[in-house]
C-alpha atoms as a PDB file:
ATOM      1  CA  MET A   1    -167.981 -90.636  48.279  1.00  0.00           C
ATOM      2  CA  ARG A   2    -168.332 -94.359  48.854  1.00  0.00           C
ATOM      3  CA  LYS A   3    -171.697 -93.792  50.604  1.00  0.00           C
ATOM      4  CA  PHE A   4    -172.843 -91.766  47.562  1.00  0.00           C
ATOM      5  CA  PHE A   5    -172.067 -94.564  45.111  1.00  0.00           C
ATOM      6  CA  SER A   6    -173.549 -97.191  47.414  1.00  0.00           C
ATOM      7  CA  ASP A   7    -176.749 -95.173  47.707  1.00  0.00           C
ATOM      8  CA  LEU A   8    -176.746 -94.664  43.874  1.00  0.00           C
ATOM      9  CA  ILE A   9    -176.454 -98.443  43.317  1.00  0.00           C
ATOM     10  CA  ALA A  10    -179.210 -99.022  45.882  1.00  0.00           C
ATOM     11  CA  ILE A  11    -181.542 -96.601  44.125  1.00  0.00           C
ATOM     12  CA  GLY A  12    -180.786 -98.306  40.794  1.00  0.00           C
ATOM     13  CA  PHE A  13    -181.552-101.701  42.264  1.00  0.00           C
ATOM     14  CA  ILE A  14    -184.767-100.388  43.762  1.00  0.00           C
ATOM     15  CA  VAL A  15    -185.867 -99.007  40.413  1.00  0.00           C
ATOM     16  CA  LEU A  16    -184.970-102.245  38.661  1.00  0.00           C
ATOM     17  CA  MET A  17    -186.929-104.386  41.224  1.00  0.00           C
ATOM     18  CA  ALA A  18    -189.840-102.016  41.110  1.00  0.00           C
ATOM     19  CA  LEU A  19    -190.022-102.270  37.304  1.00  0.00           C
ATOM     20  CA  THR A  20    -189.859-106.080  37.428  1.00  0.00           C
ATOM     21  CA  PHE A  21    -192.541-106.054  40.183  1.00  0.00           C
ATOM     22  CA  LEU A  22    -194.817-103.825  38.145  1.00  0.00           C
ATOM     23  CA  SER A  23    -194.231-105.842  35.020  1.00  0.00           C
ATOM     24  CA  GLY A  24    -195.384-108.981  36.799  1.00  0.00           C
ATOM     25  CA  ILE A  25    -198.417-107.182  38.257  1.00  0.00           C
ATOM     26  CA  SER A  26    -199.391-105.961  34.784  1.00  0.00           C
ATOM     27  CA  VAL A  27    -199.353-109.544  33.500  1.00  0.00           C
ATOM     28  CA  LEU A  28    -201.443-110.773  36.420  1.00  0.00           C
ATOM     29  CA  LEU A  29    -203.940-107.980  35.698  1.00  0.00           C
ATOM     30  CA  GLY A  30    -204.010-108.916  32.015  1.00  0.00           C
ATOM     31  CA  TYR A  31    -202.373-105.804  30.625  1.00  0.00           C
ATOM     32  CA  GLU A  32    -199.208-107.314  29.235  1.00  0.00           C
ATOM     33  CA  LYS A  33    -197.970-110.731  27.933  1.00  0.00           C
ATOM     34  CA  PRO A  34    -194.271-111.669  28.521  1.00  0.00           C
ATOM     35  CA  GLU A  35    -192.158-112.893  25.610  1.00  0.00           C
ATOM     36  CA  ASN A  36    -191.884-116.588  24.837  1.00  0.00           C
ATOM     37  CA  ILE A  37    -194.994-117.593  26.740  1.00  0.00           C
ATOM     38  CA  GLU A  38    -196.772-118.805  23.639  1.00  0.00           C
ATOM     39  CA  GLY A  39    -195.734-122.328  22.626  1.00  0.00           C
ATOM     40  CA  LEU A  40    -194.126-123.278  25.959  1.00  0.00           C
ATOM     41  CA  GLY A  41    -193.549-126.941  26.280  1.00  0.00           C
ATOM     42  CA  HIS A  42    -192.143-127.445  22.839  1.00  0.00           C
ATOM     43  CA  HIS A  43    -188.430-127.579  22.081  1.00  0.00           C
ATOM     44  CA  ASP A  44    -188.366-124.790  19.509  1.00  0.00           C
ATOM     45  CA  LEU A  45    -184.805-123.646  18.813  1.00  0.00           C
ATOM     46  CA  THR A  46    -186.097-120.274  17.759  1.00  0.00           C
ATOM     47  CA  GLU A  47    -186.903-119.700  21.418  1.00  0.00           C
ATOM     48  CA  TYR A  48    -183.407-120.567  22.647  1.00  0.00           C
ATOM     49  CA  ALA A  49    -182.726-117.763  25.201  1.00  0.00           C
ATOM     50  CA  TYR A  50    -179.322-118.674  26.405  1.00  0.00           C
ATOM     51  CA  SER A  51    -175.585-118.325  25.530  1.00  0.00           C
ATOM     52  CA  ASN A  52    -175.900-114.669  26.540  1.00  0.00           C
ATOM     53  CA  TRP A  53    -172.693-114.500  28.543  1.00  0.00           C
ATOM     54  CA  GLY A  54    -172.649-110.711  28.437  1.00  0.00           C
ATOM     55  CA  ALA A  55    -175.898-110.618  30.461  1.00  0.00           C
ATOM     56  CA  THR A  56    -174.356-113.203  32.778  1.00  0.00           C
ATOM     57  CA  LEU A  57    -171.309-111.075  33.494  1.00  0.00           C
ATOM     58  CA  LEU A  58    -173.374-107.884  33.905  1.00  0.00           C
ATOM     59  CA  SER A  59    -175.729-109.561  36.398  1.00  0.00           C
ATOM     60  CA  VAL A  60    -172.910-111.064  38.388  1.00  0.00           C
ATOM     61  CA  GLY A  61    -171.170-107.661  38.408  1.00  0.00           C
ATOM     62  CA  ILE A  62    -174.231-105.795  39.659  1.00  0.00           C
ATOM     63  CA  PHE A  63    -175.038-108.211  42.468  1.00  0.00           C
ATOM     64  CA  SER A  64    -171.312-108.430  43.440  1.00  0.00           C
ATOM     65  CA  PHE A  65    -170.921-104.653  43.567  1.00  0.00           C
ATOM     66  CA  PHE A  66    -174.045-104.267  45.619  1.00  0.00           C
ATOM     67  CA  VAL A  67    -173.024-106.794  48.223  1.00  0.00           C
ATOM     68  CA  LEU A  68    -169.475-105.492  48.327  1.00  0.00           C
ATOM     69  CA  SER A  69    -170.874-102.012  48.973  1.00  0.00           C
ATOM     70  CA  PHE A  70    -172.774-103.144  52.027  1.00  0.00           C
ATOM     71  CA  LEU A  71    -170.770-106.138  53.300  1.00  0.00           C
ATOM     72  CA  THR A  72    -167.235-105.120  52.626  1.00  0.00           C
ATOM     73  CA  PRO A  73    -164.879-107.938  53.769  1.00  0.00           C
ATOM     74  CA  LEU A  74    -162.276-106.867  56.269  1.00  0.00           C
ATOM     75  CA  LYS A  75    -160.744-110.151  57.301  1.00  0.00           C
ATOM     76  CA  LYS A  76    -159.789-113.481  55.742  1.00  0.00           C
ATOM     77  CA  GLN A  77    -162.865-115.266  56.947  1.00  0.00           C
ATOM     78  CA  ASN A  78    -165.079-112.552  55.500  1.00  0.00           C
ATOM     79  CA  TRP A  79    -163.511-112.919  52.095  1.00  0.00           C
ATOM     80  CA  ARG A  80    -163.929-116.721  52.254  1.00  0.00           C
ATOM     81  CA  THR A  81    -167.641-116.293  53.073  1.00  0.00           C
ATOM     82  CA  LEU A  82    -168.051-113.732  50.262  1.00  0.00           C
ATOM     83  CA  GLY A  83    -166.467-116.300  47.917  1.00  0.00           C
ATOM     84  CA  ILE A  84    -169.317-118.712  48.652  1.00  0.00           C
ATOM     85  CA  TYR A  85    -171.810-115.962  47.768  1.00  0.00           C
ATOM     86  CA  GLU A  86    -169.915-115.182  44.581  1.00  0.00           C
ATOM     87  CA  ALA A  87    -169.950-118.852  43.570  1.00  0.00           C
ATOM     88  CA  PHE A  88    -173.664-118.892  44.296  1.00  0.00           C
ATOM     89  CA  ILE A  89    -174.562-115.948  41.999  1.00  0.00           C
ATOM     90  CA  ILE A  90    -172.109-117.060  39.264  1.00  0.00           C
ATOM     91  CA  ALA A  91    -173.797-120.510  39.192  1.00  0.00           C
ATOM     92  CA  LEU A  92    -177.225-118.837  39.226  1.00  0.00           C
ATOM     93  CA  PHE A  93    -176.742-116.348  36.423  1.00  0.00           C
ATOM     94  CA  SER A  94    -174.690-118.832  34.354  1.00  0.00           C
ATOM     95  CA  GLU A  95    -177.821-120.894  34.137  1.00  0.00           C
ATOM     96  CA  MET A  96    -180.167-117.976  33.839  1.00  0.00           C
ATOM     97  CA  TYR A  97    -178.477-116.484  30.763  1.00  0.00           C
ATOM     98  CA  GLY A  98    -175.617-118.866  29.756  1.00  0.00           C
ATOM     99  CA  PHE A  99    -176.311-122.598  29.746  1.00  0.00           C
ATOM    100  CA  PRO A 100    -179.572-124.101  31.174  1.00  0.00           C
ATOM    101  CA  LEU A 101    -178.040-127.103  32.866  1.00  0.00           C
ATOM    102  CA  THR A 102    -180.948-127.717  35.244  1.00  0.00           C
ATOM    103  CA  ILE A 103    -183.489-127.741  32.384  1.00  0.00           C
ATOM    104  CA  TYR A 104    -181.392-130.247  30.502  1.00  0.00           C
ATOM    105  CA  VAL A 105    -181.032-132.489  33.581  1.00  0.00           C
ATOM    106  CA  LEU A 106    -184.733-132.394  34.399  1.00  0.00           C
ATOM    107  CA  SER A 107    -185.644-133.068  30.783  1.00  0.00           C
ATOM    108  CA  SER A 108    -183.265-135.990  30.577  1.00  0.00           C
ATOM    109  CA  LEU A 109    -183.881-137.661  33.907  1.00  0.00           C
ATOM    110  CA  PHE A 110    -187.646-137.127  34.273  1.00  0.00           C
ATOM    111  CA  GLY A 111    -188.706-136.777  30.648  1.00  0.00           C
ATOM    112  CA  LEU A 112    -190.148-133.321  31.203  1.00  0.00           C
ATOM    113  CA  ASN A 113    -191.000-131.407  28.076  1.00  0.00           C
ATOM    114  CA  LEU A 114    -189.350-128.029  28.891  1.00  0.00           C
ATOM    115  CA  SER A 115    -188.720-125.456  26.250  1.00  0.00           C
ATOM    116  CA  LEU A 116    -185.546-123.378  26.027  1.00  0.00           C
ATOM    117  CA  GLY A 117    -187.325-120.049  26.156  1.00  0.00           C
ATOM    118  CA  HIS A 118    -186.388-117.756  29.029  1.00  0.00           C
ATOM    119  CA  ALA A 119    -189.847-117.820  30.582  1.00  0.00           C
ATOM    120  CA  GLU A 120    -189.833-121.506  31.333  1.00  0.00           C
ATOM    121  CA  GLY A 121    -186.514-121.206  33.199  1.00  0.00           C
ATOM    122  CA  HIS A 122    -188.732-119.922  36.064  1.00  0.00           C
ATOM    123  CA  LEU A 123    -189.244-123.477  37.268  1.00  0.00           C
ATOM    124  CA  LEU A 124    -191.686-122.645  40.071  1.00  0.00           C
ATOM    125  CA  GLY A 125    -193.919-121.060  37.472  1.00  0.00           C
ATOM    126  CA  VAL A 126    -193.627-124.232  35.374  1.00  0.00           C
ATOM    127  CA  LEU A 127    -194.551-126.350  38.402  1.00  0.00           C
ATOM    128  CA  LEU A 128    -197.659-124.242  39.102  1.00  0.00           C
ATOM    129  CA  SER A 129    -198.611-124.430  35.406  1.00  0.00           C
ATOM    130  CA  LYS A 130    -198.135-128.152  34.989  1.00  0.00           C
ATOM    131  CA  ALA A 131    -199.963-128.825  38.256  1.00  0.00           C
ATOM    132  CA  GLY A 132    -202.943-127.020  36.747  1.00  0.00           C
ATOM    133  CA  VAL A 133    -202.981-124.310  39.435  1.00  0.00           C
ATOM    134  CA  MET A 134    -202.838-121.484  36.939  1.00  0.00           C
ATOM    135  CA  SER A 135    -201.755-120.732  33.368  1.00  0.00           C
ATOM    136  CA  MET A 136    -198.042-120.362  32.554  1.00  0.00           C
ATOM    137  CA  GLU A 137    -198.577-116.664  31.877  1.00  0.00           C
ATOM    138  CA  SER A 138    -200.025-116.067  35.316  1.00  0.00           C
ATOM    139  CA  ALA A 139    -197.532-118.387  36.982  1.00  0.00           C
ATOM    140  CA  TRP A 140    -194.605-116.541  35.395  1.00  0.00           C
ATOM    141  CA  ALA A 141    -196.026-113.212  36.608  1.00  0.00           C
ATOM    142  CA  LEU A 142    -196.621-114.526  40.091  1.00  0.00           C
ATOM    143  CA  VAL A 143    -193.030-115.789  40.377  1.00  0.00           C
ATOM    144  CA  MET A 144    -191.660-112.467  39.157  1.00  0.00           C
ATOM    145  CA  VAL A 145    -193.827-110.410  41.552  1.00  0.00           C
ATOM    146  CA  THR A 146    -193.014-112.635  44.535  1.00  0.00           C
ATOM    147  CA  SER A 147    -189.299-112.891  43.859  1.00  0.00           C
ATOM    148  CA  SER A 148    -188.947-109.161  43.190  1.00  0.00           C
ATOM    149  CA  ALA A 149    -190.709-108.306  46.494  1.00  0.00           C
ATOM    150  CA  VAL A 150    -188.503-110.729  48.445  1.00  0.00           C
ATOM    151  CA  ILE A 151    -185.304-109.420  46.793  1.00  0.00           C
ATOM    152  CA  PHE A 152    -186.335-105.843  47.401  1.00  0.00           C
ATOM    153  CA  PHE A 153    -186.930-106.574  51.085  1.00  0.00           C
ATOM    154  CA  GLY A 154    -183.535-108.222  51.373  1.00  0.00           C
ATOM    155  CA  LEU A 155    -181.826-105.258  49.720  1.00  0.00           C
ATOM    156  CA  PHE A 156    -183.658-102.896  52.053  1.00  0.00           C
ATOM    157  CA  LEU A 157    -182.394-104.707  55.163  1.00  0.00           C
ATOM    158  CA  MET A 158    -178.855-104.729  53.909  1.00  0.00           C
ATOM    159  CA  SER A 159    -178.763-101.069  52.958  1.00  0.00           C
ATOM    160  CA  LYS A 160    -180.577-100.009  56.162  1.00  0.00           C
ATOM    161  CA  GLY A 161    -178.260-102.075  58.404  1.00  0.00           C
ATOM    162  CA  TRP A 162    -175.107-100.712  56.635  1.00  0.00           C
ATOM    163  CA  SER A 163    -176.323 -97.144  56.829  1.00  0.00           C
ATOM    164  CA  MET A 164    -176.847 -97.371  60.587  1.00  0.00           C
ATOM    165  CA  ILE A 165    -173.478 -98.979  61.175  1.00  0.00           C
ATOM    166  CA  HIS A 166    -171.711 -96.479  58.890  1.00  0.00           C
ATOM    167  CA  SER A 167    -173.272 -93.532  60.853  1.00  0.00           C
ATOM    168  CA  SER A 168    -172.476 -94.970  64.256  1.00  0.00           C
ATOM    169  CA  HIS A 169    -168.679 -94.355  64.010  1.00  0.00           C
ATOM    170  CA  GLY A 170    -167.815 -97.560  65.783  1.00  0.00           C
ATOM    171  CA  GLU A 171    -170.467 -97.344  68.563  1.00  0.00           C
ATOM    172  CA  LEU A 172    -172.808-100.147  69.455  1.00  0.00           C
ATOM    173  CA  VAL A 173    -176.026 -99.960  67.417  1.00  0.00           C
ATOM    174  CA  THR A 174    -179.183-101.409  69.062  1.00  0.00           C
ATOM    175  CA  ASP A 175    -181.982 -99.371  67.525  1.00  0.00           C
ATOM    176  CA  GLY A 176    -183.770 -99.308  64.156  1.00  0.00           C
ATOM    177  CA  VAL A 177    -183.601-102.655  62.398  1.00  0.00           C
ATOM    178  CA  TYR A 178    -181.024-103.718  65.014  1.00  0.00           C
ATOM    179  CA  ARG A 179    -183.762-103.611  67.575  1.00  0.00           C
ATOM    180  CA  TYR A 180    -185.393-106.659  65.987  1.00  0.00           C
ATOM    181  CA  VAL A 181    -182.340-108.808  64.912  1.00  0.00           C
ATOM    182  CA  ARG A 182    -178.716-108.701  65.706  1.00  0.00           C
ATOM    183  CA  HIS A 183    -177.555-109.268  62.058  1.00  0.00           C
ATOM    184  CA  PRO A 184    -179.995-107.465  59.679  1.00  0.00           C
ATOM    185  CA  GLN A 185    -177.363-107.271  56.915  1.00  0.00           C
ATOM    186  CA  TYR A 186    -176.816-110.971  56.899  1.00  0.00           C
ATOM    187  CA  LEU A 187    -180.509-111.609  57.206  1.00  0.00           C
ATOM    188  CA  GLY A 188    -180.996-109.311  54.200  1.00  0.00           C
ATOM    189  CA  LEU A 189    -178.470-111.330  52.192  1.00  0.00           C
ATOM    190  CA  ILE A 190    -180.247-114.611  53.086  1.00  0.00           C
ATOM    191  CA  ILE A 191    -183.590-113.065  52.066  1.00  0.00           C
ATOM    192  CA  LEU A 192    -182.066-111.832  48.841  1.00  0.00           C
ATOM    193  CA  THR A 193    -180.775-115.293  47.900  1.00  0.00           C
ATOM    194  CA  VAL A 194    -184.227-116.768  48.686  1.00  0.00           C
ATOM    195  CA  GLY A 195    -185.733-114.316  46.284  1.00  0.00           C
ATOM    196  CA  LEU A 196    -183.235-115.394  43.624  1.00  0.00           C
ATOM    197  CA  LEU A 197    -184.076-119.005  44.231  1.00  0.00           C
ATOM    198  CA  ILE A 198    -187.783-118.306  43.918  1.00  0.00           C
ATOM    199  CA  GLN A 199    -187.099-116.596  40.619  1.00  0.00           C
ATOM    200  CA  TRP A 200    -184.655-119.113  39.086  1.00  0.00           C
ATOM    201  CA  PRO A 201    -184.072-122.286  41.088  1.00  0.00           C
ATOM    202  CA  THR A 202    -181.262-124.500  39.882  1.00  0.00           C
ATOM    203  CA  ILE A 203    -179.764-127.807  41.125  1.00  0.00           C
ATOM    204  CA  ILE A 204    -176.371-126.214  41.924  1.00  0.00           C
ATOM    205  CA  THR A 205    -177.691-123.134  43.756  1.00  0.00           C
ATOM    206  CA  LEU A 206    -180.172-125.237  45.790  1.00  0.00           C
ATOM    207  CA  ALA A 207    -177.264-127.451  46.881  1.00  0.00           C
ATOM    208  CA  MET A 208    -175.057-124.406  47.622  1.00  0.00           C
ATOM    209  CA  TRP A 209    -177.641-122.406  49.561  1.00  0.00           C
ATOM    210  CA  PRO A 210    -177.330-124.373  52.931  1.00  0.00           C
ATOM    211  CA  VAL A 211    -173.536-124.005  52.719  1.00  0.00           C
ATOM    212  CA  LEU A 212    -173.926-120.231  52.189  1.00  0.00           C
ATOM    213  CA  ILE A 213    -176.239-119.952  55.209  1.00  0.00           C
ATOM    214  CA  LEU A 214    -173.912-121.979  57.415  1.00  0.00           C
ATOM    215  CA  MET A 215    -170.923-119.818  56.450  1.00  0.00           C
ATOM    216  CA  TYR A 216    -172.691-116.608  57.312  1.00  0.00           C
ATOM    217  CA  TYR A 217    -174.001-118.096  60.564  1.00  0.00           C
ATOM    218  CA  ARG A 218    -170.440-118.970  61.580  1.00  0.00           C
ATOM    219  CA  LEU A 219    -169.226-115.461  60.580  1.00  0.00           C
ATOM    220  CA  ALA A 220    -171.982-113.897  62.611  1.00  0.00           C
ATOM    221  CA  LYS A 221    -171.058-115.943  65.733  1.00  0.00           C
ATOM    222  CA  LYS A 222    -167.396-114.890  65.271  1.00  0.00           C
ATOM    223  CA  GLU A 223    -168.362-111.240  65.002  1.00  0.00           C
ATOM    224  CA  GLU A 224    -170.435-111.525  68.145  1.00  0.00           C
ATOM    225  CA  ARG A 225    -167.446-112.762  70.115  1.00  0.00           C
ATOM    226  CA  GLU A 226    -165.513-109.787  68.794  1.00  0.00           C
ATOM    227  CA  ALA A 227    -168.401-107.387  69.792  1.00  0.00           C
ATOM    228  CA  THR A 228    -168.430-108.908  73.313  1.00  0.00           C
ATOM    229  CA  ASP A 229    -164.728-108.171  73.640  1.00  0.00           C
ATOM    230  CA  ALA A 230    -165.296-104.591  72.407  1.00  0.00           C
ATOM    231  CA  PHE A 231    -168.470-103.590  74.276  1.00  0.00           C
ATOM    232  CA  GLY A 232    -168.562-106.111  77.175  1.00  0.00           C
ATOM    233  CA  GLU A 233    -171.775-106.420  79.216  1.00  0.00           C
ATOM    234  CA  ARG A 234    -173.593-103.896  76.992  1.00  0.00           C
ATOM    235  CA  TYR A 235    -173.416-106.310  74.015  1.00  0.00           C
ATOM    236  CA  GLU A 236    -174.154-109.310  76.189  1.00  0.00           C
ATOM    237  CA  GLU A 237    -177.363-107.640  77.413  1.00  0.00           C
ATOM    238  CA  TYR A 238    -178.280-106.712  73.841  1.00  0.00           C
ATOM    239  CA  ARG A 239    -177.575-110.305  72.678  1.00  0.00           C
ATOM    240  CA  ARG A 240    -179.818-111.777  75.396  1.00  0.00           C
ATOM    241  CA  GLN A 241    -182.721-109.510  74.455  1.00  0.00           C
ATOM    242  CA  THR A 242    -182.482-109.600  70.637  1.00  0.00           C
ATOM    243  CA  PRO A 243    -182.808-112.554  68.291  1.00  0.00           C
ATOM    244  CA  MET A 244    -179.924-113.363  65.943  1.00  0.00           C
ATOM    245  CA  PHE A 245    -181.693-113.622  62.612  1.00  0.00           C
ATOM    246  CA  PHE A 246    -185.429-114.142  63.079  1.00  0.00           C
ATOM    247  CA  PRO A 247    -187.354-111.434  64.975  1.00  0.00           C
ATOM    248  CA  SER A 248    -189.688-112.380  67.741  1.00  0.00           C
ATOM    249  CA  ILE A 249    -193.242-111.087  67.765  1.00  0.00           C
ATOM    250  CA  ARG A 250    -192.937-109.142  71.056  1.00  0.00           C
ATOM    251  CA  PRO A 251    -190.669-106.272  69.863  1.00  0.00           C
ATOM    252  CA  LEU A 252    -192.861-105.740  66.796  1.00  0.00           C
ATOM    253  CA  PHE A 253    -195.643-104.445  68.970  1.00  0.00           C
END
């Protein structure tokens, strides 16, 4: 039953990311224009797109449920690491839909003329636009397409890794995505957070991201010691041949 609901959430996430990806592609191809693009760069209160705490809670709930489905904490250290992830997404979505702290800080400290419409919260798009690389409309679409693709890939790794572990019934898994990296689920989580940062970078989440990575690195090392105790030389041989997080080129071919 749990696997059914996890797969259902995964399918829902895939559909959501696909729709976002296609929306961005349609803008890049000139078929659609996102809301609040016109008039960016002016502090027009009619474009205020925040104080939507319902959307904040919904987004935090969805991302929390998905990660809990595929990275269920079993020990105290796992819960502590998950707490860092929870703090990360709460800070992210609080600024995305609740209160745009980073926009206020950047506007105050650097005198940037940033509007309070939702589109200009995509700060990488704003950077590309203000640098003259492309229009704000195209920059917004590029950010959405790129971030959606990165998030989708992270979700895929997490769900694929969890599925293989779930079906192994406690045996050592060394094939599939585990052939390329020893911790595809944690790598998927890292990639997912990178996608979120591409889509909506904030001061707080950029500061928290290295801490999140460090916590999951330490958790992975601890789990490897436990795997060595459980599987002995078999796991040691696997560990010597397989990278921890970043796949080498050789196994790919």
